[in-house]
């Protein structure tokens, strides 16, 4: 049984059109999606769009499609994270492709299918794992961010939060008051935001 504060609970509320669920999931996943997009765009030319634009676009596409009932099989934090990883990676790849195409002066080229076809995205996210290269990049970025904290306890809190646990769940698991976990999360955000490239 899941609590109302769990990712699974918020996911159900999102699919029912609850705007508070969008805000909650945004708070949980947006920074991680930015880090993933940053990794994907590492060697791409930077023009108008950046990693935050990619993460925002992926999250927005997910929310719109979820509210339309496009992901009925999506029921837990693991499936949600896999889907968000696939959507973010695809958005980053499309941005890199489009930037390269524009740089070369080329026009639009025909594609095999619509790039954001929700059925294809769902099929890919739920039936396959991310590519080994993508999984390695994500793992490397997570390791780097956790090491940046310099404190095993902060790393544990951050890791559990990345896994989608609520503040209350983490507090209960680690034997702290929720307020203490919130302070630790603020400290973590401060460290990571200070690490972000300008």
Protein backbone atom coordinates (compact mmCIF):
# COMPACT_ATOMS: atom_id res chain seq x y z
CA UNK A 1 0.00 0.00 0.00
CA UNK A 2 1.38 3.41 -0.93
CA UNK A 3 1.08 6.62 1.02
CA UNK A 4 -0.33 9.79 -0.52
CA UNK A 5 3.20 11.26 -0.32
CA UNK A 6 4.77 8.54 -2.49
CA UNK A 7 5.64 8.90 -6.15
CA UNK A 8 3.07 6.22 -6.95
CA UNK A 9 0.36 8.24 -5.18
CA UNK A 10 1.35 11.46 -6.95
CA UNK A 11 1.46 9.65 -10.29
CA UNK A 12 -2.13 8.50 -9.84
CA UNK A 13 -3.20 12.03 -8.93
CA UNK A 14 -1.42 13.43 -11.99
CA UNK A 15 -3.32 11.04 -14.23
CA UNK A 16 -6.51 12.38 -12.61
CA UNK A 17 -5.50 15.95 -13.54
CA UNK A 18 -4.34 17.14 -10.09
CA UNK A 19 -2.05 20.18 -10.59
CA UNK A 20 -0.48 19.72 -7.13
CA UNK A 21 0.78 16.34 -8.35
CA UNK A 22 2.54 18.04 -11.27
CA UNK A 23 4.30 20.40 -8.85
CA UNK A 24 5.30 17.55 -6.56
CA UNK A 25 6.68 15.38 -9.35
CA UNK A 26 8.45 18.44 -10.77
CA UNK A 27 10.18 18.99 -7.42
CA UNK A 28 11.25 15.35 -7.28
CA UNK A 29 12.47 14.85 -10.84
CA UNK A 30 13.34 18.15 -12.54
CA UNK A 31 16.92 18.59 -11.25
CA UNK A 32 17.72 14.97 -12.08
CA UNK A 33 16.38 15.46 -15.60
CA UNK A 34 18.51 18.60 -15.99
CA UNK A 35 21.60 16.60 -14.96
CA UNK A 36 20.72 13.86 -17.42
CA UNK A 37 20.14 16.38 -20.22
CA UNK A 38 23.44 18.12 -19.35
CA UNK A 39 25.23 14.79 -19.79
CA UNK A 40 23.48 14.16 -23.11
CA UNK A 41 24.30 17.65 -24.42
CA UNK A 42 27.89 17.69 -23.16
CA UNK A 43 29.52 18.20 -26.59
CA UNK A 44 26.57 19.82 -28.36
CA UNK A 45 26.69 23.43 -29.54
CA UNK A 46 24.84 25.71 -27.13
CA UNK A 47 22.52 28.20 -28.73
CA UNK A 48 18.98 28.99 -27.76
CA UNK A 49 18.16 25.78 -25.90
CA UNK A 50 20.02 24.21 -22.99
CA UNK A 51 19.66 21.30 -20.58
CA UNK A 52 16.91 23.00 -18.58
CA UNK A 53 14.88 23.51 -21.77
CA UNK A 54 15.30 19.82 -22.62
CA UNK A 55 14.25 18.72 -19.13
CA UNK A 56 11.29 21.10 -19.13
CA UNK A 57 10.17 19.90 -22.55
CA UNK A 58 10.43 16.23 -21.55
CA UNK A 59 8.58 16.78 -18.27
CA UNK A 60 5.88 18.85 -19.98
CA UNK A 61 5.38 16.18 -22.67
CA UNK A 62 5.12 13.50 -20.00
CA UNK A 63 2.55 15.48 -17.95
CA UNK A 64 0.36 16.32 -20.95
CA UNK A 65 0.37 12.73 -22.15
CA UNK A 66 -0.24 11.31 -18.66
CA UNK A 67 -3.25 13.61 -18.20
CA UNK A 68 -4.59 12.29 -21.53
CA UNK A 69 -4.35 8.74 -20.18
CA UNK A 70 -1.48 7.73 -22.50
CA UNK A 71 0.40 5.77 -19.82
CA UNK A 72 -2.18 3.50 -18.16
CA UNK A 73 0.44 0.84 -17.37
CA UNK A 74 2.70 3.31 -15.58
CA UNK A 75 2.23 2.61 -11.89
CA UNK A 76 5.43 3.14 -9.93
CA UNK A 77 8.56 5.27 -9.52
CA UNK A 78 10.78 2.85 -11.46
CA UNK A 79 8.60 2.89 -14.53
CA UNK A 80 8.22 6.66 -14.29
CA UNK A 81 11.97 7.21 -14.05
CA UNK A 82 12.64 4.91 -17.05
CA UNK A 83 10.04 6.78 -19.08
CA UNK A 84 11.42 10.21 -18.09
CA UNK A 85 14.97 9.06 -18.93
CA UNK A 86 13.88 7.92 -22.39
CA UNK A 87 11.89 11.10 -23.04
CA UNK A 88 14.74 13.35 -21.87
CA UNK A 89 17.36 11.45 -23.87
CA UNK A 90 15.21 11.65 -26.98
CA UNK A 91 14.59 15.37 -26.53
CA UNK A 92 18.33 15.94 -26.11
CA UNK A 93 19.11 13.84 -29.19
CA UNK A 94 16.54 15.73 -31.24
CA UNK A 95 17.96 19.06 -30.08
CA UNK A 96 21.49 18.00 -31.04
CA UNK A 97 20.26 16.74 -34.41
CA UNK A 98 18.31 19.93 -35.09
CA UNK A 99 21.18 22.19 -34.02
CA UNK A 100 23.55 20.29 -36.32
CA UNK A 101 21.08 20.41 -39.19
CA UNK A 102 20.59 24.17 -38.76
CA UNK A 103 24.34 24.72 -38.47
CA UNK A 104 24.90 22.95 -41.76
CA UNK A 105 22.11 24.92 -43.39
CA UNK A 106 20.13 21.84 -44.24
CA UNK A 107 16.39 21.65 -44.43
CA UNK A 108 14.04 19.26 -42.77
CA UNK A 109 14.69 15.67 -43.62
CA UNK A 110 12.02 12.98 -43.68
CA UNK A 111 11.75 10.86 -40.56
CA UNK A 112 10.54 7.35 -40.00
CA UNK A 113 7.78 8.52 -37.67
CA UNK A 114 6.79 11.34 -35.34
CA UNK A 115 9.59 11.87 -32.80
CA UNK A 116 7.27 12.19 -29.82
CA UNK A 117 4.77 9.45 -30.63
CA UNK A 118 3.45 8.61 -27.14
CA UNK A 119 2.74 4.97 -27.97
CA UNK A 120 6.27 4.45 -29.28
CA UNK A 121 7.74 6.22 -26.24
CA UNK A 122 5.71 4.07 -23.87
CA UNK A 123 6.63 0.91 -25.72
CA UNK A 124 10.32 1.81 -25.68
CA UNK A 125 10.35 2.89 -22.03
CA UNK A 126 8.45 -0.07 -20.64
CA UNK A 127 9.88 -2.82 -22.83
CA UNK A 128 13.56 -1.89 -22.89
CA UNK A 129 16.19 -0.53 -20.60
CA UNK A 130 18.15 2.59 -21.54
CA UNK A 131 21.15 1.93 -23.79
CA UNK A 132 24.29 0.85 -21.94
CA UNK A 133 25.94 4.14 -22.90
CA UNK A 134 23.07 6.19 -21.49
CA UNK A 135 22.91 4.08 -18.33
CA UNK A 136 26.67 4.51 -17.84
CA UNK A 137 26.44 8.29 -18.35
CA UNK A 138 23.57 8.58 -15.89
CA UNK A 139 25.39 6.40 -13.34
CA UNK A 140 28.59 8.46 -13.74
CA UNK A 141 26.71 11.72 -13.24
CA UNK A 142 24.93 10.33 -10.14
CA UNK A 143 28.24 9.11 -8.68
CA UNK A 144 29.85 12.48 -9.34
CA UNK A 145 27.00 14.36 -7.67
CA UNK A 146 26.96 12.04 -4.66
CA UNK A 147 30.74 12.34 -4.21
CA UNK A 148 30.43 16.13 -4.45
CA UNK A 149 28.40 16.03 -1.22
CA UNK A 150 31.42 14.76 0.75
CA UNK A 151 29.20 13.24 3.45
CA UNK A 152 27.87 9.65 3.41
CA UNK A 153 24.71 10.64 5.28
CA UNK A 154 23.89 13.43 2.79
CA UNK A 155 24.62 10.97 -0.04
CA UNK A 156 22.15 8.48 1.48
CA UNK A 157 19.45 11.15 1.76
CA UNK A 158 20.09 12.32 -1.81
CA UNK A 159 20.08 8.78 -3.19
CA UNK A 160 16.80 7.92 -1.49
CA UNK A 161 15.27 11.15 -2.76
CA UNK A 162 16.48 10.32 -6.30
CA UNK A 163 14.79 6.96 -5.94
CA UNK A 164 11.54 8.84 -5.39
CA UNK A 165 11.08 8.39 -1.64
CA UNK A 166 9.13 11.14 0.10
CA UNK A 167 10.65 13.28 2.86
CA UNK A 168 8.51 11.41 5.38
CA UNK A 169 9.67 8.01 4.11
CA UNK A 170 13.33 9.03 4.29
CA UNK A 171 12.87 10.47 7.78
CA UNK A 172 11.30 7.23 8.96
CA UNK A 173 13.97 5.06 7.31
CA UNK A 174 16.88 7.07 8.77
CA UNK A 175 15.36 7.90 12.16
CA UNK A 176 15.11 11.68 11.71
CA UNK A 177 12.30 14.20 11.89
CA UNK A 178 10.98 15.26 8.46
CA UNK A 179 12.18 18.80 9.19
CA UNK A 180 15.77 17.52 9.53
CA UNK A 181 15.53 15.74 6.18
CA UNK A 182 14.19 18.93 4.57
CA UNK A 183 17.20 20.84 5.90
CA UNK A 184 19.55 18.17 4.56
CA UNK A 185 17.84 18.36 1.16
CA UNK A 186 18.25 22.16 1.11
CA UNK A 187 21.95 21.70 1.86
CA UNK A 188 22.23 19.13 -0.94
CA UNK A 189 20.50 21.45 -3.42
CA UNK A 190 22.84 24.27 -2.42
CA UNK A 191 25.92 22.11 -3.00
CA UNK A 192 24.66 20.83 -6.35
CA UNK A 193 23.47 24.21 -7.59
CA UNK A 194 26.89 25.66 -6.76
CA UNK A 195 28.33 22.89 -8.94
CA UNK A 196 26.19 23.73 -11.98
CA UNK A 197 28.09 25.14 -14.95
CA UNK A 198 27.47 28.82 -15.69
